[in-house]
Amino acid sequence: MCTASRHAARRAQAGVTLIELALFIVIVGVAVVGILGVMSLTTRNSVDPQLRKQALAIAEGMLDEIEGARFTYCAVDDPAAETATGEAACATGEAFGIQGGATQRPYDNVNDYVAKDGSAISYTTDVAGNPFSALANQYAATVSMNAVVLNNIAAPNVLHIRVSVAYGDNQQVVLDGYRTRYAPNSIP
């Protein structure tokens, strides 16, 4: 075998050069930094779906609770509650405000979930008075209602209910529902 071919064979078996090794380390380093950046972003945002699910569960629970409440003309303890034909017939006024000293939900009338002037009320606890989650002060539900016309039913007899649950960094879940006054004298 000639010397030139021996030298070429030895060179092929010698391995990588220092320049090739340095280039390999730079390329692998850039790839690792990119992968770690994506993993960090994914980990940081992986809690958000759980917070959103909890906020949605709170909003659904509040809306269900409110839609299940009575929507009567008069307060439950009003003497005319079972016979009134309108809010004007109530002896103590229409069914607004928390009646009978009730301080804990569920209230006895759908109107009790908002202030008498119709402004929204913010809630931070469940029906039993416990914070909405183990992460205290993580969620706040706001309830607002407006009288509307729905399918030719007059506005005083239909309420548009909006429940907003704020969570995380200025994020919120909003659910809307409607409640009609189909049994205005339904007093237990």
C-alpha atoms as a PDB file:
ATOM      1  CA  MET A   1       0.000   0.000   0.000  1.00  0.00           C
ATOM      2  CA  CYS A   2       1.283   3.387  -0.800  1.00  0.00           C
ATOM      3  CA  THR A   3       2.002   5.993   1.830  1.00  0.00           C
ATOM      4  CA  ALA A   4      -0.670   8.387   0.685  1.00  0.00           C
ATOM      5  CA  SER A   5      -3.427   5.822   1.010  1.00  0.00           C
ATOM      6  CA  ARG A   6      -2.126   4.737   4.445  1.00  0.00           C
ATOM      7  CA  HIS A   7      -2.136   8.304   5.587  1.00  0.00           C
ATOM      8  CA  ALA A   8      -5.739   8.795   4.321  1.00  0.00           C
ATOM      9  CA  ALA A   9      -6.891   5.613   6.082  1.00  0.00           C
ATOM     10  CA  ARG A  10      -5.273   6.700   9.352  1.00  0.00           C
ATOM     11  CA  ARG A  11      -6.850  10.140   9.081  1.00  0.00           C
ATOM     12  CA  ALA A  12     -10.323   8.641   8.553  1.00  0.00           C
ATOM     13  CA  GLN A  13      -9.892   6.631  11.751  1.00  0.00           C
ATOM     14  CA  ALA A  14      -8.527   9.529  13.801  1.00  0.00           C
ATOM     15  CA  GLY A  15     -12.010  10.889  14.908  1.00  0.00           C
ATOM     16  CA  VAL A  16     -13.359  14.412  14.968  1.00  0.00           C
ATOM     17  CA  THR A  17     -11.440  17.614  14.986  1.00  0.00           C
ATOM     18  CA  LEU A  18     -11.640  20.223  17.718  1.00  0.00           C
ATOM     19  CA  ILE A  19     -13.617  22.559  15.439  1.00  0.00           C
ATOM     20  CA  GLU A  20     -16.206  19.861  14.703  1.00  0.00           C
ATOM     21  CA  LEU A  21     -16.568  19.128  18.435  1.00  0.00           C
ATOM     22  CA  ALA A  22     -17.033  22.815  19.321  1.00  0.00           C
ATOM     23  CA  LEU A  23     -19.647  23.212  16.567  1.00  0.00           C
ATOM     24  CA  PHE A  24     -21.520  20.122  17.855  1.00  0.00           C
ATOM     25  CA  ILE A  25     -21.562  21.501  21.430  1.00  0.00           C
ATOM     26  CA  VAL A  26     -22.943  24.880  20.242  1.00  0.00           C
ATOM     27  CA  ILE A  27     -25.724  23.241  18.193  1.00  0.00           C
ATOM     28  CA  VAL A  28     -26.748  20.895  21.022  1.00  0.00           C
ATOM     29  CA  GLY A  29     -26.623  23.801  23.530  1.00  0.00           C
ATOM     30  CA  VAL A  30     -28.963  25.925  21.414  1.00  0.00           C
ATOM     31  CA  ALA A  31     -31.375  22.997  21.027  1.00  0.00           C
ATOM     32  CA  VAL A  32     -31.374  22.299  24.804  1.00  0.00           C
ATOM     33  CA  VAL A  33     -32.019  25.971  25.610  1.00  0.00           C
ATOM     34  CA  GLY A  34     -34.962  25.992  23.164  1.00  0.00           C
ATOM     35  CA  ILE A  35     -36.457  22.817  24.622  1.00  0.00           C
ATOM     36  CA  LEU A  36     -36.080  24.071  28.198  1.00  0.00           C
ATOM     37  CA  GLY A  37     -37.772  27.359  27.224  1.00  0.00           C
ATOM     38  CA  VAL A  38     -40.769  25.521  25.809  1.00  0.00           C
ATOM     39  CA  MET A  39     -40.968  23.262  28.877  1.00  0.00           C
ATOM     40  CA  SER A  40     -40.821  26.292  31.198  1.00  0.00           C
ATOM     41  CA  LEU A  41     -43.623  28.031  29.300  1.00  0.00           C
ATOM     42  CA  THR A  42     -45.748  24.874  29.326  1.00  0.00           C
ATOM     43  CA  THR A  43     -45.227  24.346  33.051  1.00  0.00           C
ATOM     44  CA  ARG A  44     -46.028  27.967  33.854  1.00  0.00           C
ATOM     45  CA  ASN A  45     -49.323  27.817  31.922  1.00  0.00           C
ATOM     46  CA  SER A  46     -50.390  24.314  32.933  1.00  0.00           C
ATOM     47  CA  VAL A  47     -52.166  25.578  36.071  1.00  0.00           C
ATOM     48  CA  ASP A  48     -54.480  27.844  34.044  1.00  0.00           C
ATOM     49  CA  PRO A  49     -56.816  25.082  32.770  1.00  0.00           C
ATOM     50  CA  GLN A  50     -57.377  23.886  36.341  1.00  0.00           C
ATOM     51  CA  LEU A  51     -58.187  27.412  37.530  1.00  0.00           C
ATOM     52  CA  ARG A  52     -60.568  27.893  34.591  1.00  0.00           C
ATOM     53  CA  LYS A  53     -62.336  24.595  35.335  1.00  0.00           C
ATOM     54  CA  GLN A  54     -62.797  25.584  38.974  1.00  0.00           C
ATOM     55  CA  ALA A  55     -64.052  29.047  37.987  1.00  0.00           C
ATOM     56  CA  LEU A  56     -66.519  27.461  35.550  1.00  0.00           C
ATOM     57  CA  ALA A  57     -67.765  25.072  38.254  1.00  0.00           C
ATOM     58  CA  ILE A  58     -68.290  28.015  40.623  1.00  0.00           C
ATOM     59  CA  ALA A  59     -70.161  29.991  37.944  1.00  0.00           C
ATOM     60  CA  GLU A  60     -72.363  27.011  37.049  1.00  0.00           C
ATOM     61  CA  GLY A  61     -73.139  26.377  40.722  1.00  0.00           C
ATOM     62  CA  MET A  62     -74.051  30.009  41.376  1.00  0.00           C
ATOM     63  CA  LEU A  63     -76.234  30.240  38.261  1.00  0.00           C
ATOM     64  CA  ASP A  64     -77.992  26.971  39.117  1.00  0.00           C
ATOM     65  CA  GLU A  65     -78.586  28.152  42.689  1.00  0.00           C
ATOM     66  CA  ILE A  66     -80.042  31.475  41.524  1.00  0.00           C
ATOM     67  CA  GLU A  67     -82.211  29.982  38.781  1.00  0.00           C
ATOM     68  CA  GLY A  68     -83.603  27.502  41.314  1.00  0.00           C
ATOM     69  CA  ALA A  69     -84.707  30.217  43.749  1.00  0.00           C
ATOM     70  CA  ARG A  70     -88.325  31.421  43.943  1.00  0.00           C
ATOM     71  CA  PHE A  71     -89.298  34.427  41.825  1.00  0.00           C
ATOM     72  CA  THR A  72     -92.398  35.663  43.621  1.00  0.00           C
ATOM     73  CA  TYR A  73     -94.201  39.007  43.731  1.00  0.00           C
ATOM     74  CA  CYS A  74     -93.862  39.417  47.495  1.00  0.00           C
ATOM     75  CA  ALA A  75     -91.400  38.470  50.176  1.00  0.00           C
ATOM     76  CA  VAL A  76     -92.010  35.054  51.754  1.00  0.00           C
ATOM     77  CA  ASP A  77     -93.124  36.578  55.082  1.00  0.00           C
ATOM     78  CA  ASP A  78     -95.535  39.062  53.420  1.00  0.00           C
ATOM     79  CA  PRO A  79     -99.218  38.496  54.400  1.00  0.00           C
ATOM     80  CA  ALA A  80    -100.305  38.934  50.755  1.00  0.00           C
ATOM     81  CA  ALA A  81     -97.629  36.591  49.356  1.00  0.00           C
ATOM     82  CA  GLU A  82    -100.031  33.784  48.398  1.00  0.00           C
ATOM     83  CA  THR A  83    -102.704  35.999  46.817  1.00  0.00           C
ATOM     84  CA  ALA A  84    -100.899  39.003  45.309  1.00  0.00           C
ATOM     85  CA  THR A  85    -101.483  39.625  41.614  1.00  0.00           C
ATOM     86  CA  GLY A  86     -98.518  41.949  41.262  1.00  0.00           C
ATOM     87  CA  GLU A  87     -95.718  43.607  43.190  1.00  0.00           C
ATOM     88  CA  ALA A  88     -97.978  46.564  44.079  1.00  0.00           C
ATOM     89  CA  ALA A  89    -100.279  44.222  46.047  1.00  0.00           C
ATOM     90  CA  CYS A  90     -97.528  43.256  48.498  1.00  0.00           C
ATOM     91  CA  ALA A  91     -97.956  44.652  52.014  1.00  0.00           C
ATOM     92  CA  THR A  92     -94.214  44.866  52.745  1.00  0.00           C
ATOM     93  CA  GLY A  93     -93.048  45.666  49.222  1.00  0.00           C
ATOM     94  CA  GLU A  94     -91.723  43.516  46.450  1.00  0.00           C
ATOM     95  CA  ALA A  95     -89.462  40.548  47.146  1.00  0.00           C
ATOM     96  CA  PHE A  96     -86.115  42.347  47.102  1.00  0.00           C
ATOM     97  CA  GLY A  97     -83.414  42.175  49.700  1.00  0.00           C
ATOM     98  CA  ILE A  98     -82.592  39.344  52.029  1.00  0.00           C
ATOM     99  CA  GLN A  99     -85.796  38.526  53.905  1.00  0.00           C
ATOM    100  CA  GLY A 100     -86.385  37.102  57.352  1.00  0.00           C
ATOM    101  CA  GLY A 101     -82.865  37.831  58.571  1.00  0.00           C
ATOM    102  CA  ALA A 102     -81.337  35.289  56.187  1.00  0.00           C
ATOM    103  CA  THR A 103     -77.607  35.802  56.088  1.00  0.00           C
ATOM    104  CA  GLN A 104     -76.609  32.614  54.370  1.00  0.00           C
ATOM    105  CA  ARG A 105     -77.377  31.324  50.906  1.00  0.00           C
ATOM    106  CA  PRO A 106     -79.453  29.936  49.330  1.00  0.00           C
ATOM    107  CA  TYR A 107     -81.765  32.893  49.723  1.00  0.00           C
ATOM    108  CA  ASP A 108     -85.545  32.573  49.557  1.00  0.00           C
ATOM    109  CA  ASN A 109     -86.012  34.684  46.411  1.00  0.00           C
ATOM    110  CA  VAL A 110     -84.061  35.195  43.195  1.00  0.00           C
ATOM    111  CA  ASN A 111     -83.993  38.957  43.798  1.00  0.00           C
ATOM    112  CA  ASP A 112     -82.044  38.494  47.031  1.00  0.00           C
ATOM    113  CA  TYR A 113     -78.880  37.768  45.044  1.00  0.00           C
ATOM    114  CA  VAL A 114     -78.539  41.417  43.967  1.00  0.00           C
ATOM    115  CA  ALA A 115     -78.841  44.690  45.857  1.00  0.00           C
ATOM    116  CA  LYS A 116     -82.251  46.407  45.996  1.00  0.00           C
ATOM    117  CA  ASP A 117     -81.014  49.054  43.556  1.00  0.00           C
ATOM    118  CA  GLY A 118     -80.145  46.258  41.110  1.00  0.00           C
ATOM    119  CA  SER A 119     -76.392  46.624  41.485  1.00  0.00           C
ATOM    120  CA  ALA A 120     -74.210  43.539  41.421  1.00  0.00           C
ATOM    121  CA  ILE A 121     -73.063  41.735  44.555  1.00  0.00           C
ATOM    122  CA  SER A 122     -69.735  39.931  44.781  1.00  0.00           C
ATOM    123  CA  TYR A 123     -69.520  36.502  46.437  1.00  0.00           C
ATOM    124  CA  THR A 124     -66.379  34.715  47.637  1.00  0.00           C
ATOM    125  CA  THR A 125     -67.932  31.742  49.459  1.00  0.00           C
ATOM    126  CA  ASP A 126     -70.124  28.766  48.668  1.00  0.00           C
ATOM    127  CA  VAL A 127     -73.597  28.131  50.136  1.00  0.00           C
ATOM    128  CA  ALA A 128     -72.093  26.859  53.398  1.00  0.00           C
ATOM    129  CA  GLY A 129     -69.928  29.962  53.796  1.00  0.00           C
ATOM    130  CA  ASN A 130     -66.663  28.245  52.852  1.00  0.00           C
ATOM    131  CA  PRO A 131     -64.198  29.929  50.476  1.00  0.00           C
ATOM    132  CA  PHE A 132     -64.773  28.820  46.866  1.00  0.00           C
ATOM    133  CA  SER A 133     -61.627  26.663  46.900  1.00  0.00           C
ATOM    134  CA  ALA A 134     -58.693  25.636  49.017  1.00  0.00           C
ATOM    135  CA  LEU A 135     -56.911  28.549  47.363  1.00  0.00           C
ATOM    136  CA  ALA A 136     -58.605  31.218  49.490  1.00  0.00           C
ATOM    137  CA  ASN A 137     -59.135  34.580  47.792  1.00  0.00           C
ATOM    138  CA  GLN A 138     -58.484  32.951  44.417  1.00  0.00           C
ATOM    139  CA  TYR A 139     -62.024  33.402  43.059  1.00  0.00           C
ATOM    140  CA  ALA A 140     -64.752  36.046  43.299  1.00  0.00           C
ATOM    141  CA  ALA A 141     -68.205  35.622  41.758  1.00  0.00           C
ATOM    142  CA  THR A 142     -70.268  38.667  40.810  1.00  0.00           C
ATOM    143  CA  VAL A 143     -74.011  38.379  40.189  1.00  0.00           C
ATOM    144  CA  SER A 144     -76.043  40.945  38.257  1.00  0.00           C
ATOM    145  CA  MET A 145     -79.651  40.861  37.017  1.00  0.00           C
ATOM    146  CA  ASN A 146     -81.742  42.905  34.603  1.00  0.00           C
ATOM    147  CA  ALA A 147     -85.430  42.696  33.737  1.00  0.00           C
ATOM    148  CA  VAL A 148     -85.816  41.858  30.032  1.00  0.00           C
ATOM    149  CA  VAL A 149     -88.446  40.834  27.489  1.00  0.00           C
ATOM    150  CA  LEU A 150     -88.119  37.201  26.413  1.00  0.00           C
ATOM    151  CA  ASN A 151     -90.397  35.489  23.867  1.00  0.00           C
ATOM    152  CA  ASN A 152     -93.205  37.988  24.419  1.00  0.00           C
ATOM    153  CA  ILE A 153     -93.053  37.635  28.219  1.00  0.00           C
ATOM    154  CA  ALA A 154     -93.105  41.094  29.822  1.00  0.00           C
ATOM    155  CA  ALA A 155     -89.933  42.499  31.352  1.00  0.00           C
ATOM    156  CA  PRO A 156     -90.895  42.424  35.038  1.00  0.00           C
ATOM    157  CA  ASN A 157     -91.525  38.698  34.739  1.00  0.00           C
ATOM    158  CA  VAL A 158     -88.171  37.761  33.156  1.00  0.00           C
ATOM    159  CA  LEU A 159     -84.708  38.288  34.591  1.00  0.00           C
ATOM    160  CA  HIS A 160     -81.438  38.055  32.680  1.00  0.00           C
ATOM    161  CA  ILE A 161     -78.908  36.715  35.187  1.00  0.00           C
ATOM    162  CA  ARG A 162     -75.168  37.150  34.655  1.00  0.00           C
ATOM    163  CA  VAL A 163     -72.619  35.376  36.850  1.00  0.00           C
ATOM    164  CA  SER A 164     -68.972  36.395  36.403  1.00  0.00           C
ATOM    165  CA  VAL A 165     -66.199  34.562  38.226  1.00  0.00           C
ATOM    166  CA  ALA A 166     -62.838  36.332  38.320  1.00  0.00           C
ATOM    167  CA  TYR A 167     -59.683  34.279  38.839  1.00  0.00           C
ATOM    168  CA  GLY A 168     -55.957  34.376  38.199  1.00  0.00           C
ATOM    169  CA  ASP A 169     -54.425  37.391  36.509  1.00  0.00           C
ATOM    170  CA  ASN A 170     -57.483  39.378  35.371  1.00  0.00           C
ATOM    171  CA  GLN A 171     -59.221  36.381  33.810  1.00  0.00           C
ATOM    172  CA  GLN A 172     -62.895  35.557  34.169  1.00  0.00           C
ATOM    173  CA  VAL A 173     -65.644  33.131  33.237  1.00  0.00           C
ATOM    174  CA  VAL A 174     -69.066  34.641  32.443  1.00  0.00           C
ATOM    175  CA  LEU A 175     -72.321  32.664  32.299  1.00  0.00           C
ATOM    176  CA  ASP A 176     -75.745  34.047  31.394  1.00  0.00           C
ATOM    177  CA  GLY A 177     -79.142  32.619  32.235  1.00  0.00           C
ATOM    178  CA  TYR A 178     -82.800  33.601  32.399  1.00  0.00           C
ATOM    179  CA  ARG A 179     -85.419  33.167  35.097  1.00  0.00           C
ATOM    180  CA  THR A 180     -89.136  33.640  34.478  1.00  0.00           C
ATOM    181  CA  ARG A 181     -91.811  34.302  37.084  1.00  0.00           C
ATOM    182  CA  TYR A 182     -93.968  31.254  36.313  1.00  0.00           C
ATOM    183  CA  ALA A 183     -95.308  30.727  39.860  1.00  0.00           C
ATOM    184  CA  PRO A 184     -95.475  34.193  41.432  1.00  0.00           C
ATOM    185  CA  ASN A 185     -97.378  33.050  44.552  1.00  0.00           C
ATOM    186  CA  SER A 186     -95.404  29.882  45.294  1.00  0.00           C
ATOM    187  CA  ILE A 187     -94.727  30.300  48.992  1.00  0.00           C
ATOM    188  CA  PRO A 188     -93.854  27.268  51.131  1.00  0.00           C
END
